[in-house]
Amino acid sequence: MAAKPPKRGGAPKVLPRAAAPKTKRKTPFWQPRWIMDIVTELRKVVWPTRQDTVRLTVVVVIISGVIGAALGGIDLGFAWIVEHVFIP
């Protein structure tokens, strides 16, 4: 006779939720609450590394140069067409 697998019965156990910490800070009377909210959110941001920033900046400069050269070529083409076709 083969061993039977253990029964899976009943609802899954639900762990109690931890109480959220009370983070109500008192702000000075001259400082609006939204400034503290901005500072709190900025602390949560994962900032890119210096290497990522340099690499992405190089990519943006190269793509901007390629698009600028393409638009400049199109502009020169239209200028040539206007000078030679429409203005004899």
PDB file of N, CA and C in Angstrom:
ATOM      1  N   MET A   1       0.834  -1.160   0.000  1.00  0.00           N
ATOM      2  CA  MET A   1       0.000   0.000   0.000  1.00  0.00           C
ATOM      3  C   MET A   1       0.898   1.250   0.000  1.00  0.00           C
ATOM      4  N   ALA A   2       0.630   2.201  -0.929  1.00  0.00           N
ATOM      5  CA  ALA A   2       1.436   3.414  -1.063  1.00  0.00           C
ATOM      6  C   ALA A   2       1.034   4.434  -0.004  1.00  0.00           C
ATOM      7  N   ALA A   3       2.027   5.237   0.393  1.00  0.00           N
ATOM      8  CA  ALA A   3       1.750   6.273   1.388  1.00  0.00           C
ATOM      9  C   ALA A   3       0.938   7.389   0.747  1.00  0.00           C
ATOM     10  N   LYS A   4      -0.033   7.868   1.479  1.00  0.00           N
ATOM     11  CA  LYS A   4      -0.884   8.941   0.965  1.00  0.00           C
ATOM     12  C   LYS A   4      -0.226  10.292   1.249  1.00  0.00           C
ATOM     13  N   PRO A   5      -0.352  11.239   0.274  1.00  0.00           N
ATOM     14  CA  PRO A   5       0.188  12.577   0.553  1.00  0.00           C
ATOM     15  C   PRO A   5      -0.636  13.254   1.642  1.00  0.00           C
ATOM     16  N   PRO A   6      -0.018  14.185   2.358  1.00  0.00           N
ATOM     17  CA  PRO A   6      -0.769  14.860   3.426  1.00  0.00           C
ATOM     18  C   PRO A   6      -1.935  15.650   2.837  1.00  0.00           C
ATOM     19  N   LYS A   7      -3.016  15.699   3.593  1.00  0.00           N
ATOM     20  CA  LYS A   7      -4.206  16.413   3.133  1.00  0.00           C
ATOM     21  C   LYS A   7      -3.973  17.914   3.206  1.00  0.00           C
ATOM     22  N   ARG A   8      -4.513  18.575   2.207  1.00  0.00           N
ATOM     23  CA  ARG A   8      -4.485  20.044   2.204  1.00  0.00           C
ATOM     24  C   ARG A   8      -5.901  20.515   2.448  1.00  0.00           C
ATOM     25  N   GLY A   9      -6.184  20.806   3.611  1.00  0.00           N
ATOM     26  CA  GLY A   9      -7.552  21.187   3.913  1.00  0.00           C
ATOM     27  C   GLY A   9      -7.605  22.501   4.650  1.00  0.00           C
ATOM     28  N   GLY A  10      -8.744  23.111   4.563  1.00  0.00           N
ATOM     29  CA  GLY A  10      -8.967  24.336   5.293  1.00  0.00           C
ATOM     30  C   GLY A  10      -8.410  25.559   4.579  1.00  0.00           C
ATOM     31  N   ALA A  11      -8.721  26.670   5.115  1.00  0.00           N
ATOM     32  CA  ALA A  11      -8.271  27.935   4.531  1.00  0.00           C
ATOM     33  C   ALA A  11      -6.816  28.178   4.909  1.00  0.00           C
ATOM     34  N   PRO A  12      -6.094  28.902   4.041  1.00  0.00           N
ATOM     35  CA  PRO A  12      -4.704  29.208   4.382  1.00  0.00           C
ATOM     36  C   PRO A  12      -4.635  30.119   5.598  1.00  0.00           C
ATOM     37  N   LYS A  13      -3.553  29.969   6.321  1.00  0.00           N
ATOM     38  CA  LYS A  13      -3.383  30.807   7.503  1.00  0.00           C
ATOM     39  C   LYS A  13      -3.153  32.250   7.087  1.00  0.00           C
ATOM     40  N   VAL A  14      -3.800  33.122   7.763  1.00  0.00           N
ATOM     41  CA  VAL A  14      -3.632  34.548   7.502  1.00  0.00           C
ATOM     42  C   VAL A  14      -2.849  35.130   8.661  1.00  0.00           C
ATOM     43  N   LEU A  15      -1.699  35.692   8.311  1.00  0.00           N
ATOM     44  CA  LEU A  15      -0.872  36.289   9.354  1.00  0.00           C
ATOM     45  C   LEU A  15      -1.422  37.653   9.715  1.00  0.00           C
ATOM     46  N   PRO A  16      -1.345  38.015  10.963  1.00  0.00           N
ATOM     47  CA  PRO A  16      -1.847  39.342  11.340  1.00  0.00           C
ATOM     48  C   PRO A  16      -0.962  40.436  10.745  1.00  0.00           C
ATOM     49  N   ARG A  17      -1.598  41.498  10.298  1.00  0.00           N
ATOM     50  CA  ARG A  17      -0.859  42.627   9.728  1.00  0.00           C
ATOM     51  C   ARG A  17      -0.203  43.418  10.847  1.00  0.00           C
ATOM     52  N   ALA A  18       0.992  43.836  10.554  1.00  0.00           N
ATOM     53  CA  ALA A  18       1.688  44.674  11.526  1.00  0.00           C
ATOM     54  C   ALA A  18       1.062  46.060  11.493  1.00  0.00           C
ATOM     55  N   ALA A  19       0.945  46.640  12.611  1.00  0.00           N
ATOM     56  CA  ALA A  19       0.373  47.976  12.677  1.00  0.00           C
ATOM     57  C   ALA A  19       1.320  48.963  12.005  1.00  0.00           C
ATOM     58  N   ALA A  20       0.756  49.831  11.195  1.00  0.00           N
ATOM     59  CA  ALA A  20       1.567  50.830  10.511  1.00  0.00           C
ATOM     60  C   ALA A  20       2.097  51.819  11.544  1.00  0.00           C
ATOM     61  N   PRO A  21       3.379  52.161  11.415  1.00  0.00           N
ATOM     62  CA  PRO A  21       3.928  53.113  12.387  1.00  0.00           C
ATOM     63  C   PRO A  21       3.314  54.498  12.187  1.00  0.00           C
ATOM     64  N   LYS A  22       3.094  55.135  13.263  1.00  0.00           N
ATOM     65  CA  LYS A  22       2.546  56.495  13.202  1.00  0.00           C
ATOM     66  C   LYS A  22       3.685  57.446  12.863  1.00  0.00           C
ATOM     67  N   THR A  23       3.602  58.080  11.686  1.00  0.00           N
ATOM     68  CA  THR A  23       4.694  58.952  11.243  1.00  0.00           C
ATOM     69  C   THR A  23       4.258  60.405  11.183  1.00  0.00           C
ATOM     70  N   LYS A  24       3.307  60.753  11.982  1.00  0.00           N
ATOM     71  CA  LYS A  24       2.845  62.136  11.962  1.00  0.00           C
ATOM     72  C   LYS A  24       3.870  62.983  12.697  1.00  0.00           C
ATOM     73  N   ARG A  25       4.597  63.787  11.893  1.00  0.00           N
ATOM     74  CA  ARG A  25       5.621  64.644  12.476  1.00  0.00           C
ATOM     75  C   ARG A  25       5.064  66.049  12.635  1.00  0.00           C
ATOM     76  N   LYS A  26       5.547  66.690  13.630  1.00  0.00           N
ATOM     77  CA  LYS A  26       5.175  68.092  13.788  1.00  0.00           C
ATOM     78  C   LYS A  26       6.127  68.935  12.970  1.00  0.00           C
ATOM     79  N   THR A  27       5.580  69.791  12.149  1.00  0.00           N
ATOM     80  CA  THR A  27       6.411  70.686  11.349  1.00  0.00           C
ATOM     81  C   THR A  27       6.383  72.063  11.976  1.00  0.00           C
ATOM     82  N   PRO A  28       7.472  72.791  11.792  1.00  0.00           N
ATOM     83  CA  PRO A  28       7.479  74.156  12.322  1.00  0.00           C
ATOM     84  C   PRO A  28       6.348  74.974  11.705  1.00  0.00           C
ATOM     85  N   PHE A  29       5.910  75.989  12.409  1.00  0.00           N
ATOM     86  CA  PHE A  29       4.768  76.779  11.936  1.00  0.00           C
ATOM     87  C   PHE A  29       5.050  77.483  10.612  1.00  0.00           C
ATOM     88  N   TRP A  30       6.321  77.757  10.311  1.00  0.00           N
ATOM     89  CA  TRP A  30       6.670  78.472   9.082  1.00  0.00           C
ATOM     90  C   TRP A  30       6.868  77.544   7.898  1.00  0.00           C
ATOM     91  N   GLN A  31       6.860  76.239   8.116  1.00  0.00           N
ATOM     92  CA  GLN A  31       7.156  75.285   7.058  1.00  0.00           C
ATOM     93  C   GLN A  31       5.889  74.510   6.698  1.00  0.00           C
ATOM     94  N   PRO A  32       5.415  74.662   5.452  1.00  0.00           N
ATOM     95  CA  PRO A  32       4.214  73.925   5.062  1.00  0.00           C
ATOM     96  C   PRO A  32       4.457  72.416   5.042  1.00  0.00           C
ATOM     97  N   ARG A  33       3.424  71.666   5.241  1.00  0.00           N
ATOM     98  CA  ARG A  33       3.513  70.202   5.291  1.00  0.00           C
ATOM     99  C   ARG A  33       3.989  69.636   3.954  1.00  0.00           C
ATOM    100  N   TRP A  34       3.609  70.272   2.843  1.00  0.00           N
ATOM    101  CA  TRP A  34       3.960  69.722   1.533  1.00  0.00           C
ATOM    102  C   TRP A  34       5.469  69.731   1.303  1.00  0.00           C
ATOM    103  N   ILE A  35       6.200  70.612   1.955  1.00  0.00           N
ATOM    104  CA  ILE A  35       7.661  70.610   1.817  1.00  0.00           C
ATOM    105  C   ILE A  35       8.227  69.343   2.455  1.00  0.00           C
ATOM    106  N   MET A  36       7.714  68.973   3.613  1.00  0.00           N
ATOM    107  CA  MET A  36       8.166  67.745   4.259  1.00  0.00           C
ATOM    108  C   MET A  36       7.781  66.514   3.434  1.00  0.00           C
ATOM    109  N   ASP A  37       6.619  66.568   2.771  1.00  0.00           N
ATOM    110  CA  ASP A  37       6.211  65.465   1.905  1.00  0.00           C
ATOM    111  C   ASP A  37       7.172  65.315   0.732  1.00  0.00           C
ATOM    112  N   ILE A  38       7.597  66.425   0.167  1.00  0.00           N
ATOM    113  CA  ILE A  38       8.549  66.383  -0.951  1.00  0.00           C
ATOM    114  C   ILE A  38       9.877  65.780  -0.488  1.00  0.00           C
ATOM    115  N   VAL A  39      10.359  66.214   0.649  1.00  0.00           N
ATOM    116  CA  VAL A  39      11.622  65.698   1.177  1.00  0.00           C
ATOM    117  C   VAL A  39      11.506  64.200   1.445  1.00  0.00           C
ATOM    118  N   THR A  40      10.388  63.768   2.002  1.00  0.00           N
ATOM    119  CA  THR A  40      10.182  62.350   2.278  1.00  0.00           C
ATOM    120  C   THR A  40      10.184  61.540   0.991  1.00  0.00           C
ATOM    121  N   GLU A  41       9.507  62.017  -0.039  1.00  0.00           N
ATOM    122  CA  GLU A  41       9.457  61.296  -1.310  1.00  0.00           C
ATOM    123  C   GLU A  41      10.827  61.270  -1.984  1.00  0.00           C
ATOM    124  N   LEU A  42      11.582  62.359  -1.887  1.00  0.00           N
ATOM    125  CA  LEU A  42      12.910  62.386  -2.498  1.00  0.00           C
ATOM    126  C   LEU A  42      13.869  61.419  -1.813  1.00  0.00           C
ATOM    127  N   ARG A  43      13.652  61.127  -0.551  1.00  0.00           N
ATOM    128  CA  ARG A  43      14.495  60.144   0.140  1.00  0.00           C
ATOM    129  C   ARG A  43      14.212  58.727  -0.348  1.00  0.00           C
ATOM    130  N   LYS A  44      13.041  58.497  -0.930  1.00  0.00           N
ATOM    131  CA  LYS A  44      12.684  57.173  -1.436  1.00  0.00           C
ATOM    132  C   LYS A  44      13.214  56.922  -2.842  1.00  0.00           C
ATOM    133  N   VAL A  45      13.648  57.963  -3.532  1.00  0.00           N
ATOM    134  CA  VAL A  45      14.089  57.841  -4.918  1.00  0.00           C
ATOM    135  C   VAL A  45      15.400  57.061  -4.991  1.00  0.00           C
ATOM    136  N   VAL A  46      15.493  56.174  -5.967  1.00  0.00           N
ATOM    137  CA  VAL A  46      16.736  55.460  -6.236  1.00  0.00           C
ATOM    138  C   VAL A  46      17.434  56.232  -7.354  1.00  0.00           C
ATOM    139  N   TRP A  47      18.454  56.981  -7.003  1.00  0.00           N
ATOM    140  CA  TRP A  47      19.135  57.831  -7.962  1.00  0.00           C
ATOM    141  C   TRP A  47      20.093  56.991  -8.808  1.00  0.00           C
ATOM    142  N   PRO A  48      20.254  57.349 -10.111  1.00  0.00           N
ATOM    143  CA  PRO A  48      21.189  56.593 -10.954  1.00  0.00           C
ATOM    144  C   PRO A  48      22.628  56.848 -10.519  1.00  0.00           C
ATOM    145  N   THR A  49      23.488  55.884 -10.837  1.00  0.00           N
ATOM    146  CA  THR A  49      24.903  56.050 -10.516  1.00  0.00           C
ATOM    147  C   THR A  49      25.524  57.039 -11.495  1.00  0.00           C
ATOM    148  N   ARG A  50      26.722  57.471 -11.178  1.00  0.00           N
ATOM    149  CA  ARG A  50      27.420  58.406 -12.057  1.00  0.00           C
ATOM    150  C   ARG A  50      27.666  57.775 -13.421  1.00  0.00           C
ATOM    151  N   GLN A  51      28.018  56.499 -13.430  1.00  0.00           N
ATOM    152  CA  GLN A  51      28.279  55.792 -14.684  1.00  0.00           C
ATOM    153  C   GLN A  51      27.001  55.720 -15.536  1.00  0.00           C
ATOM    154  N   ASP A  52      25.860  55.429 -14.928  1.00  0.00           N
ATOM    155  CA  ASP A  52      24.600  55.408 -15.675  1.00  0.00           C
ATOM    156  C   ASP A  52      24.278  56.779 -16.249  1.00  0.00           C
ATOM    157  N   THR A  53      24.490  57.812 -15.455  1.00  0.00           N
ATOM    158  CA  THR A  53      24.193  59.173 -15.908  1.00  0.00           C
ATOM    159  C   THR A  53      25.054  59.555 -17.093  1.00  0.00           C
ATOM    160  N   VAL A  54      26.349  59.260 -17.037  1.00  0.00           N
ATOM    161  CA  VAL A  54      27.254  59.591 -18.144  1.00  0.00           C
ATOM    162  C   VAL A  54      26.863  58.808 -19.395  1.00  0.00           C
ATOM    163  N   ARG A  55      26.580  57.507 -19.231  1.00  0.00           N
ATOM    164  CA  ARG A  55      26.233  56.666 -20.381  1.00  0.00           C
ATOM    165  C   ARG A  55      24.948  57.156 -21.052  1.00  0.00           C
ATOM    166  N   LEU A  56      23.937  57.466 -20.270  1.00  0.00           N
ATOM    167  CA  LEU A  56      22.675  57.929 -20.843  1.00  0.00           C
ATOM    168  C   LEU A  56      22.812  59.316 -21.462  1.00  0.00           C
ATOM    169  N   THR A  57      23.655  60.165 -20.892  1.00  0.00           N
ATOM    170  CA  THR A  57      23.899  61.478 -21.478  1.00  0.00           C
ATOM    171  C   THR A  57      24.559  61.349 -22.840  1.00  0.00           C
ATOM    172  N   VAL A  58      25.527  60.447 -22.960  1.00  0.00           N
ATOM    173  CA  VAL A  58      26.189  60.215 -24.247  1.00  0.00           C
ATOM    174  C   VAL A  58      25.176  59.711 -25.275  1.00  0.00           C
ATOM    175  N   VAL A  59      24.290  58.817 -24.868  1.00  0.00           N
ATOM    176  CA  VAL A  59      23.265  58.307 -25.785  1.00  0.00           C
ATOM    177  C   VAL A  59      22.371  59.439 -26.267  1.00  0.00           C
ATOM    178  N   VAL A  60      21.947  60.310 -25.366  1.00  0.00           N
ATOM    179  CA  VAL A  60      21.072  61.428 -25.736  1.00  0.00           C
ATOM    180  C   VAL A  60      21.786  62.370 -26.702  1.00  0.00           C
ATOM    181  N   VAL A  61      23.062  62.669 -26.454  1.00  0.00           N
ATOM    182  CA  VAL A  61      23.814  63.567 -27.329  1.00  0.00           C
ATOM    183  C   VAL A  61      23.966  62.953 -28.721  1.00  0.00           C
ATOM    184  N   ILE A  62      24.254  61.658 -28.794  1.00  0.00           N
ATOM    185  CA  ILE A  62      24.420  61.007 -30.097  1.00  0.00           C
ATOM    186  C   ILE A  62      23.102  60.995 -30.862  1.00  0.00           C
ATOM    187  N   ILE A  63      22.018  60.618 -30.216  1.00  0.00           N
ATOM    188  CA  ILE A  63      20.716  60.583 -30.890  1.00  0.00           C
ATOM    189  C   ILE A  63      20.302  61.981 -31.324  1.00  0.00           C
ATOM    190  N   SER A  64      20.552  62.982 -30.494  1.00  0.00           N
ATOM    191  CA  SER A  64      20.219  64.363 -30.870  1.00  0.00           C
ATOM    192  C   SER A  64      21.022  64.797 -32.086  1.00  0.00           C
ATOM    193  N   GLY A  65      22.301  64.424 -32.146  1.00  0.00           N
ATOM    194  CA  GLY A  65      23.125  64.767 -33.308  1.00  0.00           C
ATOM    195  C   GLY A  65      22.627  64.099 -34.575  1.00  0.00           C
ATOM    196  N   VAL A  66      22.243  62.823 -34.481  1.00  0.00           N
ATOM    197  CA  VAL A  66      21.741  62.108 -35.654  1.00  0.00           C
ATOM    198  C   VAL A  66      20.434  62.731 -36.142  1.00  0.00           C
ATOM    199  N   ILE A  67      19.515  63.009 -35.240  1.00  0.00           N
ATOM    200  CA  ILE A  67      18.242  63.615 -35.634  1.00  0.00           C
ATOM    201  C   ILE A  67      18.473  65.017 -36.179  1.00  0.00           C
ATOM    202  N   GLY A  68      19.371  65.788 -35.558  1.00  0.00           N
ATOM    203  CA  GLY A  68      19.685  67.126 -36.062  1.00  0.00           C
ATOM    204  C   GLY A  68      20.276  67.086 -37.456  1.00  0.00           C
ATOM    205  N   ALA A  69      21.192  66.137 -37.702  1.00  0.00           N
ATOM    206  CA  ALA A  69      21.778  66.008 -39.041  1.00  0.00           C
ATOM    207  C   ALA A  69      20.723  65.607 -40.066  1.00  0.00           C
ATOM    208  N   ALA A  70      19.818  64.703 -39.690  1.00  0.00           N
ATOM    209  CA  ALA A  70      18.750  64.288 -40.613  1.00  0.00           C
ATOM    210  C   ALA A  70      17.830  65.461 -40.938  1.00  0.00           C
ATOM    211  N   LEU A  71      17.417  66.208 -39.936  1.00  0.00           N
ATOM    212  CA  LEU A  71      16.545  67.369 -40.187  1.00  0.00           C
ATOM    213  C   LEU A  71      17.271  68.446 -40.994  1.00  0.00           C
ATOM    214  N   GLY A  72      18.576  68.643 -40.734  1.00  0.00           N
ATOM    215  CA  GLY A  72      19.356  69.606 -41.519  1.00  0.00           C
ATOM    216  C   GLY A  72      19.443  69.187 -42.976  1.00  0.00           C
ATOM    217  N   GLY A  73      19.636  67.876 -43.215  1.00  0.00           N
ATOM    218  CA  GLY A  73      19.677  67.375 -44.595  1.00  0.00           C
ATOM    219  C   GLY A  73      18.338  67.564 -45.300  1.00  0.00           C
ATOM    220  N   ILE A  74      17.263  67.304 -44.615  1.00  0.00           N
ATOM    221  CA  ILE A  74      15.930  67.515 -45.200  1.00  0.00           C
ATOM    222  C   ILE A  74      15.731  68.991 -45.512  1.00  0.00           C
ATOM    223  N   ASP A  75      16.150  69.863 -44.609  1.00  0.00           N
ATOM    224  CA  ASP A  75      16.020  71.310 -44.824  1.00  0.00           C
ATOM    225  C   ASP A  75      16.836  71.751 -46.035  1.00  0.00           C
ATOM    226  N   LEU A  76      18.064  71.256 -46.180  1.00  0.00           N
ATOM    227  CA  LEU A  76      18.881  71.606 -47.344  1.00  0.00           C
ATOM    228  C   LEU A  76      18.246  71.081 -48.629  1.00  0.00           C
ATOM    229  N   GLY A  77      17.654  69.900 -48.570  1.00  0.00           N
ATOM    230  CA  GLY A  77      16.974  69.347 -49.744  1.00  0.00           C
ATOM    231  C   GLY A  77      15.793  70.202 -50.165  1.00  0.00           C
ATOM    232  N   PHE A  78      14.977  70.610 -49.212  1.00  0.00           N
ATOM    233  CA  PHE A  78      13.844  71.474 -49.552  1.00  0.00           C
ATOM    234  C   PHE A  78      14.314  72.834 -50.058  1.00  0.00           C
ATOM    235  N   ALA A  79      15.380  73.375 -49.482  1.00  0.00           N
ATOM    236  CA  ALA A  79      15.913  74.653 -49.953  1.00  0.00           C
ATOM    237  C   ALA A  79      16.402  74.528 -51.396  1.00  0.00           C
ATOM    238  N   TRP A  80      17.066  73.424 -51.719  1.00  0.00           N
ATOM    239  CA  TRP A  80      17.535  73.216 -53.094  1.00  0.00           C
ATOM    240  C   TRP A  80      16.351  73.106 -54.055  1.00  0.00           C
ATOM    241  N   ILE A  81      15.314  72.368 -53.656  1.00  0.00           N
ATOM    242  CA  ILE A  81      14.118  72.217 -54.511  1.00  0.00           C
ATOM    243  C   ILE A  81      13.478  73.573 -54.739  1.00  0.00           C
ATOM    244  N   VAL A  82      13.332  74.389 -53.699  1.00  0.00           N
ATOM    245  CA  VAL A  82      12.719  75.709 -53.857  1.00  0.00           C
ATOM    246  C   VAL A  82      13.559  76.577 -54.766  1.00  0.00           C
ATOM    247  N   GLU A  83      14.859  76.576 -54.613  1.00  0.00           N
ATOM    248  CA  GLU A  83      15.739  77.436 -55.437  1.00  0.00           C
ATOM    249  C   GLU A  83      15.773  77.000 -56.899  1.00  0.00           C
ATOM    250  N   HIS A  84      15.749  75.707 -57.176  1.00  0.00           N
ATOM    251  CA  HIS A  84      15.915  75.224 -58.546  1.00  0.00           C
ATOM    252  C   HIS A  84      14.612  74.897 -59.258  1.00  0.00           C
ATOM    253  N   VAL A  85      13.553  74.642 -58.549  1.00  0.00           N
ATOM    254  CA  VAL A  85      12.292  74.275 -59.189  1.00  0.00           C
ATOM    255  C   VAL A  85      11.308  75.430 -59.182  1.00  0.00           C
ATOM    256  N   PHE A  86      11.100  76.045 -58.042  1.00  0.00           N
ATOM    257  CA  PHE A  86      10.081  77.081 -57.941  1.00  0.00           C
ATOM    258  C   PHE A  86      10.593  78.466 -58.303  1.00  0.00           C
ATOM    259  N   ILE A  87      11.879  78.731 -58.135  1.00  0.00           N
ATOM    260  CA  ILE A  87      12.450  80.032 -58.475  1.00  0.00           C
ATOM    261  C   ILE A  87      13.461  79.802 -59.595  1.00  0.00           C
ATOM    262  N   PRO A  88      13.044  80.053 -60.846  1.00  0.00           N
ATOM    263  CA  PRO A  88      13.960  79.796 -61.969  1.00  0.00           C
ATOM    264  C   PRO A  88      15.093  80.788 -62.087  1.00  0.00           C
TER     265      PRO A  88
END
